[in-house]
Amino acid sequence: MTNKSAGILVGIFILLSCICLVLASGQYLLNGCLWRGCVPKRNFRISDLELPTTLFPNGAIVNHVYPMSDEFSTIEDGIQSIYWDNGNGLAGYDIYRYPTIKKAIQGFEFNYGQMVDDGTKNIWVRPNELTYSSSTANQLQIACGNWTGKRCGMLARYQEYVVFFNAVMDEKMTYRDFEKIVMYIDEQMSKRLSP
């Protein structure tokens, strides 16, 4: 091998090394992970996780899922709002997909910190009437408290997804109604994430 051939091979090696470094840096800067640490591709979008009208009181206005702001460091996120009883009844459904499990755990912990009474800052507690437990969720918290009125929430992490459903509790949204929605969310997430 001549010096010229060796120089060309060294140049090609350096060029390929630089390309790999740029790709790895871009992957890390965009997603906060490298290939093996990133979450897998999924065959569904967050908009596919919309809650149907049939889960809510008659006459409820059930909006479509729409994207949130970019401040959550997510791959994808969305929010769905639901109103009934002329806006006196309200529910919200937040869905986050993070680029890593570590970021999803942090997202779960952040949202858990929001499940406190707005006046006293006491952590919400689970009433005896809500007994549902998930066999699929990696983390799950179901509790109720005071947050602009009596409200219950379900916060769960399914791999890289964090979902937070919360609803005002009233005559049209009972514990039983709330738990039926929690079960629906859990079943949908479990079905979509199982191999």
Protein backbone atom coordinates (compact mmCIF):
# COMPACT_ATOMS: atom_id res chain seq x y z
CA MET A 1 0.00 0.00 0.00
CA THR A 2 1.36 3.38 -0.95
CA ASN A 3 1.48 6.43 1.25
CA LYS A 4 -1.16 8.05 -0.95
CA SER A 5 -3.57 5.07 -0.51
CA ALA A 6 -2.96 5.01 3.24
CA GLY A 7 -3.65 8.76 3.42
CA ILE A 8 -6.93 8.33 1.54
CA LEU A 9 -8.02 5.53 3.89
CA VAL A 10 -7.14 7.61 6.95
CA GLY A 11 -9.07 10.56 5.47
CA ILE A 12 -12.13 8.36 4.81
CA PHE A 13 -11.93 6.98 8.35
CA ILE A 14 -11.74 10.49 9.83
CA LEU A 15 -14.65 11.66 7.66
CA LEU A 16 -16.85 8.68 8.68
CA SER A 17 -15.91 9.22 12.33
CA CYS A 18 -16.94 12.88 12.08
CA ILE A 19 -20.26 11.95 10.44
CA CYS A 20 -20.99 9.42 13.22
CA LEU A 21 -20.10 11.98 15.87
CA VAL A 22 -22.38 14.61 14.30
CA LEU A 23 -25.26 12.10 14.06
CA ALA A 24 -24.80 10.99 17.69
CA SER A 25 -24.58 14.59 18.88
CA GLY A 26 -27.73 15.52 16.97
CA GLN A 27 -29.60 12.51 18.37
CA TYR A 28 -28.55 13.43 21.89
CA LEU A 29 -29.34 17.14 21.52
CA LEU A 30 -32.77 16.51 19.97
CA ASN A 31 -33.91 13.64 22.19
CA GLY A 32 -31.59 13.55 25.19
CA CYS A 33 -30.63 9.98 24.41
CA LEU A 34 -28.49 7.84 22.15
CA TRP A 35 -29.93 5.10 19.97
CA ARG A 36 -30.13 2.27 22.51
CA GLY A 37 -31.40 4.58 25.26
CA CYS A 38 -34.19 6.07 23.15
CA VAL A 39 -37.74 4.74 23.20
CA PRO A 40 -38.95 2.54 20.32
CA LYS A 41 -41.05 3.71 17.38
CA ARG A 42 -44.78 3.29 17.99
CA ASN A 43 -47.58 2.52 15.52
CA PHE A 44 -49.98 5.04 17.06
CA ARG A 45 -50.09 8.74 17.80
CA ILE A 46 -51.28 10.58 20.88
CA SER A 47 -54.34 11.76 18.94
CA ASP A 48 -55.35 8.07 18.71
CA LEU A 49 -55.76 8.04 22.50
CA GLU A 50 -58.74 10.42 22.56
CA LEU A 51 -61.45 9.68 25.07
CA PRO A 52 -64.84 9.01 23.45
CA THR A 53 -67.99 11.03 24.15
CA THR A 54 -69.76 7.91 25.50
CA LEU A 55 -67.64 8.02 28.69
CA PHE A 56 -69.05 11.38 29.77
CA PRO A 57 -72.43 12.76 30.88
CA ASN A 58 -75.08 13.27 28.21
CA GLY A 59 -74.62 16.53 26.36
CA ALA A 60 -70.95 16.85 27.31
CA ILE A 61 -68.70 18.79 24.95
CA VAL A 62 -65.76 16.49 24.24
CA ASN A 63 -62.99 18.28 22.37
CA HIS A 64 -60.36 16.58 20.25
CA VAL A 65 -56.81 16.09 21.50
CA TYR A 66 -54.61 19.01 20.49
CA PRO A 67 -50.85 19.55 21.01
CA MET A 68 -49.56 21.41 24.05
CA SER A 69 -46.60 23.77 24.12
CA ASP A 70 -43.03 22.59 23.54
CA GLU A 71 -41.91 23.21 27.13
CA PHE A 72 -42.23 19.60 28.32
CA SER A 73 -39.24 18.05 26.44
CA THR A 74 -41.55 15.47 24.89
CA ILE A 75 -41.53 13.66 21.57
CA GLU A 76 -45.26 14.29 21.38
CA ASP A 77 -47.93 15.54 23.76
CA GLY A 78 -51.59 16.42 23.75
CA ILE A 79 -54.47 17.64 25.85
CA GLN A 80 -58.18 16.92 25.64
CA SER A 81 -60.75 19.00 27.50
CA ILE A 82 -64.30 17.96 28.31
CA TYR A 83 -67.17 20.13 29.64
CA TRP A 84 -70.68 19.33 30.87
CA ASP A 85 -73.46 21.04 32.79
CA ASN A 86 -72.85 24.41 31.06
CA GLY A 87 -69.17 24.32 31.98
CA ASN A 88 -69.70 23.59 35.67
CA GLY A 89 -68.38 20.09 35.04
CA LEU A 90 -64.86 19.84 33.67
CA ALA A 91 -62.33 17.13 32.88
CA GLY A 92 -58.86 17.26 31.41
CA TYR A 93 -56.75 14.55 29.83
CA ASP A 94 -53.03 15.25 29.37
CA ILE A 95 -50.83 12.78 27.48
CA TYR A 96 -47.04 13.03 27.23
CA ARG A 97 -44.60 10.84 25.30
CA TYR A 98 -40.99 11.29 26.40
CA PRO A 99 -37.82 10.33 24.49
CA THR A 100 -36.50 8.26 27.44
CA ILE A 101 -37.91 6.33 30.38
CA LYS A 102 -35.87 8.53 32.73
CA LYS A 103 -37.60 11.67 31.40
CA ALA A 104 -40.99 9.93 31.68
CA ILE A 105 -40.29 9.15 35.34
CA GLN A 106 -39.40 12.83 35.88
CA GLY A 107 -42.62 13.85 34.08
CA PHE A 108 -44.63 11.54 36.34
CA GLU A 109 -42.99 12.99 39.45
CA PHE A 110 -43.64 16.55 38.28
CA ASN A 111 -47.32 15.85 37.66
CA TYR A 112 -47.60 14.00 40.98
CA GLY A 113 -46.39 17.19 42.64
CA GLN A 114 -49.41 18.97 41.11
CA MET A 115 -51.90 16.65 42.84
CA VAL A 116 -52.26 18.87 45.91
CA ASP A 117 -55.10 20.93 47.33
CA ASP A 118 -54.96 24.45 45.96
CA GLY A 119 -55.46 26.08 49.37
CA THR A 120 -53.74 23.82 51.90
CA LYS A 121 -51.17 22.19 49.57
CA ASN A 122 -52.06 18.83 51.16
CA ILE A 123 -51.38 15.83 48.93
CA TRP A 124 -54.50 14.28 47.44
CA VAL A 125 -55.59 10.94 48.91
CA ARG A 126 -57.39 7.97 47.41
CA PRO A 127 -60.95 7.56 48.67
CA ASN A 128 -62.14 4.04 49.55
CA GLU A 129 -64.64 4.20 46.66
CA LEU A 130 -61.83 4.13 44.06
CA THR A 131 -60.35 0.64 44.08
CA TYR A 132 -59.07 0.12 40.52
CA SER A 133 -55.49 -1.03 40.14
CA SER A 134 -53.51 -1.48 36.91
CA SER A 135 -51.42 -4.52 36.13
CA THR A 136 -49.73 -2.69 33.23
CA ALA A 137 -48.84 0.80 34.44
CA ASN A 138 -45.27 1.20 35.64
CA GLN A 139 -46.43 3.91 38.06
CA LEU A 140 -49.99 4.76 39.08
CA GLN A 141 -51.58 7.28 41.42
CA ILE A 142 -55.34 7.70 41.80
CA ALA A 143 -56.44 10.32 44.31
CA CYS A 144 -58.89 13.12 45.04
CA GLY A 145 -58.65 16.56 46.56
CA ASN A 146 -59.62 20.19 46.17
CA TRP A 147 -58.43 21.93 43.03
CA THR A 148 -60.94 24.57 41.99
CA GLY A 149 -63.58 22.35 43.57
CA LYS A 150 -63.67 18.66 44.42
CA ARG A 151 -61.63 16.80 41.82
CA CYS A 152 -60.17 13.33 41.28
CA GLY A 153 -57.16 12.45 39.20
CA MET A 154 -55.49 9.43 37.67
CA LEU A 155 -51.78 9.80 36.94
CA ALA A 156 -50.02 6.87 35.30
CA ARG A 157 -46.78 6.08 33.52
CA TYR A 158 -46.75 3.43 30.83
CA GLN A 159 -43.13 3.06 29.70
CA GLU A 160 -42.35 6.42 28.04
CA TYR A 161 -45.95 7.70 28.25
CA VAL A 162 -47.37 9.71 31.14
CA VAL A 163 -51.13 10.27 31.25
CA PHE A 164 -53.02 12.51 33.66
CA PHE A 165 -56.80 12.43 33.69
CA ASN A 166 -58.66 14.62 36.18
CA ALA A 167 -62.30 15.55 36.58
CA VAL A 168 -64.58 17.66 38.73
CA MET A 169 -66.69 15.35 40.88
CA ASP A 170 -70.39 16.15 40.88
CA GLU A 171 -73.78 14.46 40.42
CA LYS A 172 -72.94 13.80 36.77
CA MET A 173 -69.38 12.57 37.43
CA THR A 174 -69.48 10.09 40.30
CA TYR A 175 -66.64 7.93 41.61
CA ARG A 176 -68.08 5.07 39.56
CA ASP A 177 -68.09 7.21 36.38
CA PHE A 178 -64.54 8.37 37.08
CA GLU A 179 -63.30 4.83 37.66
CA LYS A 180 -64.92 3.67 34.40
CA ILE A 181 -62.84 6.29 32.55
CA VAL A 182 -59.68 5.26 34.43
CA MET A 183 -60.30 1.64 33.38
CA TYR A 184 -60.81 2.71 29.76
CA ILE A 185 -57.53 4.67 29.72
CA ASP A 186 -55.64 1.77 31.30
CA GLU A 187 -57.09 -0.75 28.83
CA GLN A 188 -56.24 1.47 25.84
CA MET A 189 -52.66 2.05 26.96
CA SER A 190 -52.16 -1.62 27.82
CA LYS A 191 -53.53 -2.80 24.47
CA ARG A 192 -51.42 -0.37 22.44
CA LEU A 193 -48.15 -1.03 24.28
CA SER A 194 -48.37 -4.83 24.50
CA PRO A 195 -46.32 -6.70 21.87
